[in-house]
PDB file of N, CA and C in Angstrom:
ATOM      1  N   MET A   1     -41.291  -4.165  17.338  1.00  0.00           N
ATOM      2  CA  MET A   1     -41.262  -3.610  18.696  1.00  0.00           C
ATOM      3  C   MET A   1     -42.058  -2.338  18.766  1.00  0.00           C
ATOM      4  N   ASP A   2     -42.734  -2.162  19.842  1.00  0.00           N
ATOM      5  CA  ASP A   2     -43.579  -0.986  20.081  1.00  0.00           C
ATOM      6  C   ASP A   2     -42.725   0.308  20.092  1.00  0.00           C
ATOM      7  N   PRO A   3     -43.150   1.351  19.332  1.00  0.00           N
ATOM      8  CA  PRO A   3     -42.363   2.612  19.303  1.00  0.00           C
ATOM      9  C   PRO A   3     -42.204   3.242  20.722  1.00  0.00           C
ATOM     10  N   ALA A   4     -43.227   3.101  21.601  1.00  0.00           N
ATOM     11  CA  ALA A   4     -43.107   3.637  22.919  1.00  0.00           C
ATOM     12  C   ALA A   4     -42.025   2.938  23.737  1.00  0.00           C
ATOM     13  N   THR A   5     -41.870   1.635  23.512  1.00  0.00           N
ATOM     14  CA  THR A   5     -40.835   0.875  24.205  1.00  0.00           C
ATOM     15  C   THR A   5     -39.462   1.332  23.726  1.00  0.00           C
ATOM     16  N   ILE A   6     -39.327   1.512  22.404  1.00  0.00           N
ATOM     17  CA  ILE A   6     -38.034   1.954  21.843  1.00  0.00           C
ATOM     18  C   ILE A   6     -37.718   3.361  22.343  1.00  0.00           C
ATOM     19  N   ALA A   7     -38.703   4.247  22.404  1.00  0.00           N
ATOM     20  CA  ALA A   7     -38.456   5.577  22.896  1.00  0.00           C
ATOM     21  C   ALA A   7     -38.056   5.564  24.350  1.00  0.00           C
ATOM     22  N   GLY A   8     -38.679   4.721  25.133  1.00  0.00           N
ATOM     23  CA  GLY A   8     -38.319   4.590  26.521  1.00  0.00           C
ATOM     24  C   GLY A   8     -36.928   4.072  26.712  1.00  0.00           C
ATOM     25  N   ALA A   9     -36.508   3.087  25.922  1.00  0.00           N
ATOM     26  CA  ALA A   9     -35.191   2.570  25.994  1.00  0.00           C
ATOM     27  C   ALA A   9     -34.154   3.593  25.627  1.00  0.00           C
ATOM     28  N   ALA A  10     -34.419   4.358  24.540  1.00  0.00           N
ATOM     29  CA  ALA A  10     -33.478   5.394  24.138  1.00  0.00           C
ATOM     30  C   ALA A  10     -33.371   6.475  25.209  1.00  0.00           C
ATOM     31  N   ALA A  11     -34.494   6.834  25.807  1.00  0.00           N
ATOM     32  CA  ALA A  11     -34.442   7.845  26.898  1.00  0.00           C
ATOM     33  C   ALA A  11     -33.715   7.319  28.075  1.00  0.00           C
ATOM     34  N   GLY A  12     -33.859   6.038  28.367  1.00  0.00           N
ATOM     35  CA  GLY A  12     -33.150   5.418  29.476  1.00  0.00           C
ATOM     36  C   GLY A  12     -31.665   5.412  29.263  1.00  0.00           C
ATOM     37  N   LEU A  13     -31.219   5.132  28.022  1.00  0.00           N
ATOM     38  CA  LEU A  13     -29.780   5.193  27.739  1.00  0.00           C
ATOM     39  C   LEU A  13     -29.238   6.580  27.881  1.00  0.00           C
ATOM     40  N   GLY A  14     -29.997   7.563  27.422  1.00  0.00           N
ATOM     41  CA  GLY A  14     -29.538   8.959  27.602  1.00  0.00           C
ATOM     42  C   GLY A  14     -29.463   9.354  29.029  1.00  0.00           C
ATOM     43  N   ALA A  15     -30.444   8.972  29.797  1.00  0.00           N
ATOM     44  CA  ALA A  15     -30.475   9.293  31.234  1.00  0.00           C
ATOM     45  C   ALA A  15     -29.307   8.635  31.957  1.00  0.00           C
ATOM     46  N   ALA A  16     -28.929   7.420  31.524  1.00  0.00           N
ATOM     47  CA  ALA A  16     -27.810   6.728  32.130  1.00  0.00           C
ATOM     48  C   ALA A  16     -26.518   7.480  31.913  1.00  0.00           C
ATOM     49  N   VAL A  17     -26.339   7.991  30.689  1.00  0.00           N
ATOM     50  CA  VAL A  17     -25.130   8.739  30.371  1.00  0.00           C
ATOM     51  C   VAL A  17     -25.060  10.033  31.193  1.00  0.00           C
ATOM     52  N   VAL A  18     -26.161  10.743  31.238  1.00  0.00           N
ATOM     53  CA  VAL A  18     -26.244  12.027  31.926  1.00  0.00           C
ATOM     54  C   VAL A  18     -26.243  11.836  33.453  1.00  0.00           C
ATOM     55  N   GLY A  19     -26.964  10.848  33.903  1.00  0.00           N
ATOM     56  CA  GLY A  19     -27.194  10.662  35.344  1.00  0.00           C
ATOM     57  C   GLY A  19     -26.108   9.835  36.066  1.00  0.00           C
ATOM     58  N   ALA A  20     -25.292   9.114  35.333  1.00  0.00           N
ATOM     59  CA  ALA A  20     -24.298   8.263  35.971  1.00  0.00           C
ATOM     60  C   ALA A  20     -23.409   9.007  36.938  1.00  0.00           C
ATOM     61  N   PRO A  21     -22.829  10.124  36.584  1.00  0.00           N
ATOM     62  CA  PRO A  21     -21.965  10.823  37.550  1.00  0.00           C
ATOM     63  C   PRO A  21     -22.679  11.241  38.822  1.00  0.00           C
ATOM     64  N   ALA A  22     -23.928  11.678  38.726  1.00  0.00           N
ATOM     65  CA  ALA A  22     -24.696  12.049  39.890  1.00  0.00           C
ATOM     66  C   ALA A  22     -24.977  10.857  40.795  1.00  0.00           C
ATOM     67  N   VAL A  23     -25.336   9.736  40.197  1.00  0.00           N
ATOM     68  CA  VAL A  23     -25.606   8.515  40.978  1.00  0.00           C
ATOM     69  C   VAL A  23     -24.339   8.043  41.653  1.00  0.00           C
ATOM     70  N   LEU A  24     -23.219   8.010  40.910  1.00  0.00           N
ATOM     71  CA  LEU A  24     -21.969   7.562  41.501  1.00  0.00           C
ATOM     72  C   LEU A  24     -21.553   8.499  42.670  1.00  0.00           C
ATOM     73  N   GLY A  25     -21.722   9.788  42.479  1.00  0.00           N
ATOM     74  CA  GLY A  25     -21.402  10.712  43.542  1.00  0.00           C
ATOM     75  C   GLY A  25     -22.266  10.489  44.790  1.00  0.00           C
ATOM     76  N   ALA A  26     -23.541  10.224  44.545  1.00  0.00           N
ATOM     77  CA  ALA A  26     -24.472   9.977  45.658  1.00  0.00           C
ATOM     78  C   ALA A  26     -24.080   8.694  46.418  1.00  0.00           C
ATOM     79  N   LEU A  27     -23.534   7.746  45.696  1.00  0.00           N
ATOM     80  CA  LEU A  27     -23.088   6.515  46.366  1.00  0.00           C
ATOM     81  C   LEU A  27     -21.746   6.672  47.061  1.00  0.00           C
ATOM     82  N   GLY A  28     -21.065   7.799  46.860  1.00  0.00           N
ATOM     83  CA  GLY A  28     -19.808   8.076  47.523  1.00  0.00           C
ATOM     84  C   GLY A  28     -18.585   7.953  46.665  1.00  0.00           C
ATOM     85  N   PHE A  29     -18.736   7.639  45.374  1.00  0.00           N
ATOM     86  CA  PHE A  29     -17.612   7.540  44.466  1.00  0.00           C
ATOM     87  C   PHE A  29     -17.396   8.897  43.790  1.00  0.00           C
ATOM     88  N   THR A  30     -16.457   9.678  44.349  1.00  0.00           N
ATOM     89  CA  THR A  30     -16.269  11.049  43.908  1.00  0.00           C
ATOM     90  C   THR A  30     -14.847  11.247  43.276  1.00  0.00           C
ATOM     91  N   ALA A  31     -14.661  12.415  42.714  1.00  0.00           N
ATOM     92  CA  ALA A  31     -13.322  12.761  42.152  1.00  0.00           C
ATOM     93  C   ALA A  31     -12.296  12.868  43.259  1.00  0.00           C
ATOM     94  N   ALA A  32     -12.696  13.150  44.475  1.00  0.00           N
ATOM     95  CA  ALA A  32     -11.746  13.256  45.601  1.00  0.00           C
ATOM     96  C   ALA A  32     -11.507  11.925  46.290  1.00  0.00           C
ATOM     97  N   GLY A  33     -12.176  10.850  45.832  1.00  0.00           N
ATOM     98  CA  GLY A  33     -12.049   9.534  46.465  1.00  0.00           C
ATOM     99  C   GLY A  33     -13.364   9.086  47.005  1.00  0.00           C
ATOM    100  N   ILE A  34     -13.345   7.980  47.700  1.00  0.00           N
ATOM    101  CA  ILE A  34     -14.609   7.408  48.258  1.00  0.00           C
ATOM    102  C   ILE A  34     -14.896   8.161  49.548  1.00  0.00           C
ATOM    103  N   SER A  35     -16.127   8.661  49.633  1.00  0.00           N
ATOM    104  CA  SER A  35     -16.579   9.463  50.790  1.00  0.00           C
ATOM    105  C   SER A  35     -16.758   8.576  52.030  1.00  0.00           C
ATOM    106  N   ALA A  36     -16.277   9.075  53.140  1.00  0.00           N
ATOM    107  CA  ALA A  36     -16.406   8.338  54.431  1.00  0.00           C
ATOM    108  C   ALA A  36     -17.871   8.183  54.774  1.00  0.00           C
ATOM    109  N   GLY A  37     -18.251   7.013  55.267  1.00  0.00           N
ATOM    110  CA  GLY A  37     -19.609   6.743  55.702  1.00  0.00           C
ATOM    111  C   GLY A  37     -20.606   6.524  54.583  1.00  0.00           C
ATOM    112  N   SER A  38     -20.140   6.420  53.360  1.00  0.00           N
ATOM    113  CA  SER A  38     -21.047   6.245  52.179  1.00  0.00           C
ATOM    114  C   SER A  38     -21.218   4.762  51.868  1.00  0.00           C
ATOM    115  N   ILE A  39     -22.121   4.503  50.947  1.00  0.00           N
ATOM    116  CA  ILE A  39     -22.308   3.164  50.439  1.00  0.00           C
ATOM    117  C   ILE A  39     -21.003   2.664  49.776  1.00  0.00           C
ATOM    118  N   GLY A  40     -20.342   3.604  49.078  1.00  0.00           N
ATOM    119  CA  GLY A  40     -19.052   3.244  48.453  1.00  0.00           C
ATOM    120  C   GLY A  40     -18.013   2.785  49.485  1.00  0.00           C
ATOM    121  N   ALA A  41     -17.984   3.487  50.650  1.00  0.00           N
ATOM    122  CA  ALA A  41     -17.051   3.093  51.727  1.00  0.00           C
ATOM    123  C   ALA A  41     -17.393   1.741  52.280  1.00  0.00           C
ATOM    124  N   TRP A  42     -18.680   1.461  52.427  1.00  0.00           N
ATOM    125  CA  TRP A  42     -19.104   0.152  52.896  1.00  0.00           C
ATOM    126  C   TRP A  42     -18.693  -0.909  51.878  1.00  0.00           C
ATOM    127  N   MET A  43     -18.886  -0.621  50.569  1.00  0.00           N
ATOM    128  CA  MET A  43     -18.511  -1.600  49.556  1.00  0.00           C
ATOM    129  C   MET A  43     -17.012  -1.843  49.546  1.00  0.00           C
ATOM    130  N   MET A  44     -16.241  -0.759  49.718  1.00  0.00           N
ATOM    131  CA  MET A  44     -14.777  -0.893  49.756  1.00  0.00           C
ATOM    132  C   MET A  44     -14.314  -1.722  50.947  1.00  0.00           C
ATOM    133  N   SER A  45     -14.944  -1.516  52.082  1.00  0.00           N
ATOM    134  CA  SER A  45     -14.611  -2.228  53.282  1.00  0.00           C
ATOM    135  C   SER A  45     -14.938  -3.739  53.103  1.00  0.00           C
ATOM    136  N   ALA A  46     -16.094  -4.026  52.534  1.00  0.00           N
ATOM    137  CA  ALA A  46     -16.485  -5.411  52.306  1.00  0.00           C
ATOM    138  C   ALA A  46     -15.523  -6.084  51.326  1.00  0.00           C
ATOM    139  N   ALA A  47     -15.158  -5.353  50.255  1.00  0.00           N
ATOM    140  CA  ALA A  47     -14.236  -5.930  49.263  1.00  0.00           C
ATOM    141  C   ALA A  47     -12.863  -6.176  49.856  1.00  0.00           C
ATOM    142  N   ALA A  48     -12.384  -5.250  50.661  1.00  0.00           N
ATOM    143  CA  ALA A  48     -11.081  -5.407  51.304  1.00  0.00           C
ATOM    144  C   ALA A  48     -11.095  -6.570  52.279  1.00  0.00           C
ATOM    145  N   THR A  49     -12.145  -6.696  53.016  1.00  0.00           N
ATOM    146  CA  THR A  49     -12.265  -7.814  53.999  1.00  0.00           C
ATOM    147  C   THR A  49     -12.288  -9.170  53.225  1.00  0.00           C
ATOM    148  N   ALA A  50     -13.006  -9.214  52.126  1.00  0.00           N
ATOM    149  CA  ALA A  50     -13.106 -10.454  51.333  1.00  0.00           C
ATOM    150  C   ALA A  50     -11.780 -10.775  50.646  1.00  0.00           C
ATOM    151  N   ASN A  51     -10.951  -9.766  50.348  1.00  0.00           N
ATOM    152  CA  ASN A  51      -9.760  -9.996  49.595  1.00  0.00           C
ATOM    153  C   ASN A  51      -8.480  -9.969  50.453  1.00  0.00           C
ATOM    154  N   GLY A  52      -8.650 -10.102  51.775  1.00  0.00           N
ATOM    155  CA  GLY A  52      -7.487 -10.119  52.656  1.00  0.00           C
ATOM    156  C   GLY A  52      -6.839  -8.762  52.885  1.00  0.00           C
ATOM    157  N   GLY A  53      -7.627  -7.690  52.764  1.00  0.00           N
ATOM    158  CA  GLY A  53      -7.099  -6.368  53.067  1.00  0.00           C
ATOM    159  C   GLY A  53      -6.951  -5.437  51.871  1.00  0.00           C
ATOM    160  N   GLY A  54      -7.001  -5.930  50.681  1.00  0.00           N
ATOM    161  CA  GLY A  54      -6.856  -5.092  49.484  1.00  0.00           C
ATOM    162  C   GLY A  54      -8.122  -5.112  48.633  1.00  0.00           C
ATOM    163  N   VAL A  55      -8.243  -4.088  47.798  1.00  0.00           N
ATOM    164  CA  VAL A  55      -9.367  -4.023  46.836  1.00  0.00           C
ATOM    165  C   VAL A  55      -8.790  -4.402  45.505  1.00  0.00           C
ATOM    166  N   ALA A  56      -9.382  -5.401  44.850  1.00  0.00           N
ATOM    167  CA  ALA A  56      -8.893  -5.926  43.603  1.00  0.00           C
ATOM    168  C   ALA A  56      -8.973  -4.874  42.459  1.00  0.00           C
ATOM    169  N   ALA A  57      -7.882  -4.717  41.749  1.00  0.00           N
ATOM    170  CA  ALA A  57      -7.868  -3.847  40.584  1.00  0.00           C
ATOM    171  C   ALA A  57      -8.820  -4.432  39.543  1.00  0.00           C
ATOM    172  N   GLY A  58      -9.658  -3.600  38.945  1.00  0.00           N
ATOM    173  CA  GLY A  58     -10.602  -4.080  37.962  1.00  0.00           C
ATOM    174  C   GLY A  58     -11.873  -4.638  38.527  1.00  0.00           C
ATOM    175  N   GLY A  59     -11.995  -4.685  39.849  1.00  0.00           N
ATOM    176  CA  GLY A  59     -13.190  -5.159  40.478  1.00  0.00           C
ATOM    177  C   GLY A  59     -14.290  -4.093  40.474  1.00  0.00           C
ATOM    178  N   VAL A  60     -15.403  -4.412  41.012  1.00  0.00           N
ATOM    179  CA  VAL A  60     -16.587  -3.531  40.992  1.00  0.00           C
ATOM    180  C   VAL A  60     -16.256  -2.198  41.692  1.00  0.00           C
ATOM    181  N   VAL A  61     -15.682  -2.268  42.892  1.00  0.00           N
ATOM    182  CA  VAL A  61     -15.403  -1.079  43.653  1.00  0.00           C
ATOM    183  C   VAL A  61     -14.386  -0.197  42.926  1.00  0.00           C
ATOM    184  N   ALA A  62     -13.337  -0.791  42.436  1.00  0.00           N
ATOM    185  CA  ALA A  62     -12.296  -0.032  41.710  1.00  0.00           C
ATOM    186  C   ALA A  62     -12.893   0.581  40.404  1.00  0.00           C
ATOM    187  N   THR A  63     -13.723  -0.153  39.734  1.00  0.00           N
ATOM    188  CA  THR A  63     -14.324   0.368  38.487  1.00  0.00           C
ATOM    189  C   THR A  63     -15.259   1.558  38.803  1.00  0.00           C
ATOM    190  N   LEU A  64     -16.131   1.381  39.817  1.00  0.00           N
ATOM    191  CA  LEU A  64     -17.003   2.472  40.194  1.00  0.00           C
ATOM    192  C   LEU A  64     -16.286   3.722  40.612  1.00  0.00           C
ATOM    193  N   GLN A  65     -15.183   3.527  41.393  1.00  0.00           N
ATOM    194  CA  GLN A  65     -14.363   4.663  41.844  1.00  0.00           C
ATOM    195  C   GLN A  65     -13.745   5.331  40.631  1.00  0.00           C
ATOM    196  N   SER A  66     -13.253   4.545  39.717  1.00  0.00           N
ATOM    197  CA  SER A  66     -12.637   5.120  38.499  1.00  0.00           C
ATOM    198  C   SER A  66     -13.654   5.958  37.712  1.00  0.00           C
ATOM    199  N   LEU A  67     -14.840   5.433  37.593  1.00  0.00           N
ATOM    200  CA  LEU A  67     -15.918   6.170  36.865  1.00  0.00           C
ATOM    201  C   LEU A  67     -16.320   7.411  37.673  1.00  0.00           C
ATOM    202  N   GLY A  68     -16.373   7.316  38.990  1.00  0.00           N
ATOM    203  CA  GLY A  68     -16.735   8.431  39.825  1.00  0.00           C
ATOM    204  C   GLY A  68     -15.704   9.539  39.778  1.00  0.00           C
ATOM    205  N   ALA A  69     -14.437   9.155  39.674  1.00  0.00           N
ATOM    206  CA  ALA A  69     -13.362  10.111  39.622  1.00  0.00           C
ATOM    207  C   ALA A  69     -13.244  10.771  38.250  1.00  0.00           C
ATOM    208  N   ALA A  70     -13.343  10.024  37.203  1.00  0.00           N
ATOM    209  CA  ALA A  70     -13.083  10.541  35.856  1.00  0.00           C
ATOM    210  C   ALA A  70     -14.346  10.708  35.027  1.00  0.00           C
ATOM    211  N   GLY A  71     -15.478  10.134  35.457  1.00  0.00           N
ATOM    212  CA  GLY A  71     -16.683  10.175  34.647  1.00  0.00           C
ATOM    213  C   GLY A  71     -16.599   9.155  33.549  1.00  0.00           C
ATOM    214  N   LEU A  72     -17.601   9.090  32.719  1.00  0.00           N
ATOM    215  CA  LEU A  72     -17.607   8.172  31.592  1.00  0.00           C
ATOM    216  C   LEU A  72     -16.646   8.653  30.560  1.00  0.00           C
ATOM    217  N   SER A  73     -15.843   7.735  29.980  1.00  0.00           N
ATOM    218  CA  SER A  73     -14.892   8.120  28.946  1.00  0.00           C
ATOM    219  C   SER A  73     -15.629   8.567  27.687  1.00  0.00           C
ATOM    220  N   ALA A  74     -14.941   9.248  26.811  1.00  0.00           N
ATOM    221  CA  ALA A  74     -15.553   9.681  25.565  1.00  0.00           C
ATOM    222  C   ALA A  74     -16.047   8.520  24.745  1.00  0.00           C
ATOM    223  N   SER A  75     -15.261   7.403  24.781  1.00  0.00           N
ATOM    224  CA  SER A  75     -15.716   6.242  24.005  1.00  0.00           C
ATOM    225  C   SER A  75     -16.967   5.614  24.637  1.00  0.00           C
ATOM    226  N   ALA A  76     -17.060   5.588  25.972  1.00  0.00           N
ATOM    227  CA  ALA A  76     -18.311   5.079  26.599  1.00  0.00           C
ATOM    228  C   ALA A  76     -19.481   5.952  26.301  1.00  0.00           C
ATOM    229  N   GLN A  77     -19.278   7.252  26.331  1.00  0.00           N
ATOM    230  CA  GLN A  77     -20.398   8.183  26.003  1.00  0.00           C
ATOM    231  C   GLN A  77     -20.806   7.971  24.550  1.00  0.00           C
ATOM    232  N   ALA A  78     -19.812   7.812  23.652  1.00  0.00           N
ATOM    233  CA  ALA A  78     -20.153   7.579  22.231  1.00  0.00           C
ATOM    234  C   ALA A  78     -20.914   6.306  22.037  1.00  0.00           C
ATOM    235  N   ALA A  79     -20.491   5.261  22.762  1.00  0.00           N
ATOM    236  CA  ALA A  79     -21.198   3.974  22.665  1.00  0.00           C
ATOM    237  C   ALA A  79     -22.685   4.065  23.119  1.00  0.00           C
ATOM    238  N   TRP A  80     -22.904   4.729  24.252  1.00  0.00           N
ATOM    239  CA  TRP A  80     -24.294   4.899  24.742  1.00  0.00           C
ATOM    240  C   TRP A  80     -25.072   5.749  23.785  1.00  0.00           C
ATOM    241  N   THR A  81     -24.439   6.812  23.233  1.00  0.00           N
ATOM    242  CA  THR A  81     -25.130   7.691  22.275  1.00  0.00           C
ATOM    243  C   THR A  81     -25.504   6.924  20.993  1.00  0.00           C
ATOM    244  N   ALA A  82     -24.560   6.115  20.525  1.00  0.00           N
ATOM    245  CA  ALA A  82     -24.817   5.296  19.316  1.00  0.00           C
ATOM    246  C   ALA A  82     -25.919   4.309  19.590  1.00  0.00           C
ATOM    247  N   GLY A  83     -25.900   3.688  20.769  1.00  0.00           N
ATOM    248  CA  GLY A  83     -26.997   2.752  21.088  1.00  0.00           C
ATOM    249  C   GLY A  83     -28.334   3.421  21.129  1.00  0.00           C
ATOM    250  N   GLY A  84     -28.408   4.618  21.693  1.00  0.00           N
ATOM    251  CA  GLY A  84     -29.650   5.389  21.663  1.00  0.00           C
ATOM    252  C   GLY A  84     -30.079   5.771  20.233  1.00  0.00           C
ATOM    253  N   ALA A  85     -29.099   6.144  19.444  1.00  0.00           N
ATOM    254  CA  ALA A  85     -29.401   6.498  18.025  1.00  0.00           C
ATOM    255  C   ALA A  85     -29.922   5.315  17.278  1.00  0.00           C
ATOM    256  N   LEU A  86     -29.327   4.158  17.538  1.00  0.00           N
ATOM    257  CA  LEU A  86     -29.773   2.915  16.841  1.00  0.00           C
ATOM    258  C   LEU A  86     -31.216   2.596  17.277  1.00  0.00           C
ATOM    259  N   LEU A  87     -31.502   2.679  18.542  1.00  0.00           N
ATOM    260  CA  LEU A  87     -32.867   2.442  18.961  1.00  0.00           C
ATOM    261  C   LEU A  87     -33.832   3.460  18.342  1.00  0.00           C
ATOM    262  N   GLY A  88     -33.384   4.706  18.295  1.00  0.00           N
ATOM    263  CA  GLY A  88     -34.219   5.752  17.703  1.00  0.00           C
ATOM    264  C   GLY A  88     -34.487   5.536  16.235  1.00  0.00           C
ATOM    265  N   ALA A  89     -33.553   4.864  15.559  1.00  0.00           N
ATOM    266  CA  ALA A  89     -33.691   4.604  14.085  1.00  0.00           C
ATOM    267  C   ALA A  89     -34.814   3.633  13.844  1.00  0.00           C
ATOM    268  N   PHE A  90     -35.176   2.818  14.829  1.00  0.00           N
ATOM    269  CA  PHE A  90     -36.281   1.851  14.624  1.00  0.00           C
ATOM    270  C   PHE A  90     -37.668   2.509  14.723  1.00  0.00           C
ATOM    271  N   PHE A  91     -37.710   3.754  15.061  1.00  0.00           N
ATOM    272  CA  PHE A  91     -38.978   4.464  15.186  1.00  0.00           C
ATOM    273  C   PHE A  91     -39.716   4.434  13.886  1.00  0.00           C
TER     274      PHE A  91
END
């Protein structure tokens, strides 16, 4: 594999770990809950409509809100970091 491709993939993994909270917040998934009028609110409304009024536990909306409220867990951060290190080892 091309070293530039590996470097790009590793950088992308790092950016995903660092940038995920900002992206989730911008979509409306915040520590205070889903922001009114946001994409997250639209997604929640659509999920509730599709599920007869409730949002399914473990579904996309619930998972994104959980990540938006708590951020990536230590184990998820470690997994992304390990993946980046593994890609970097192929340099």
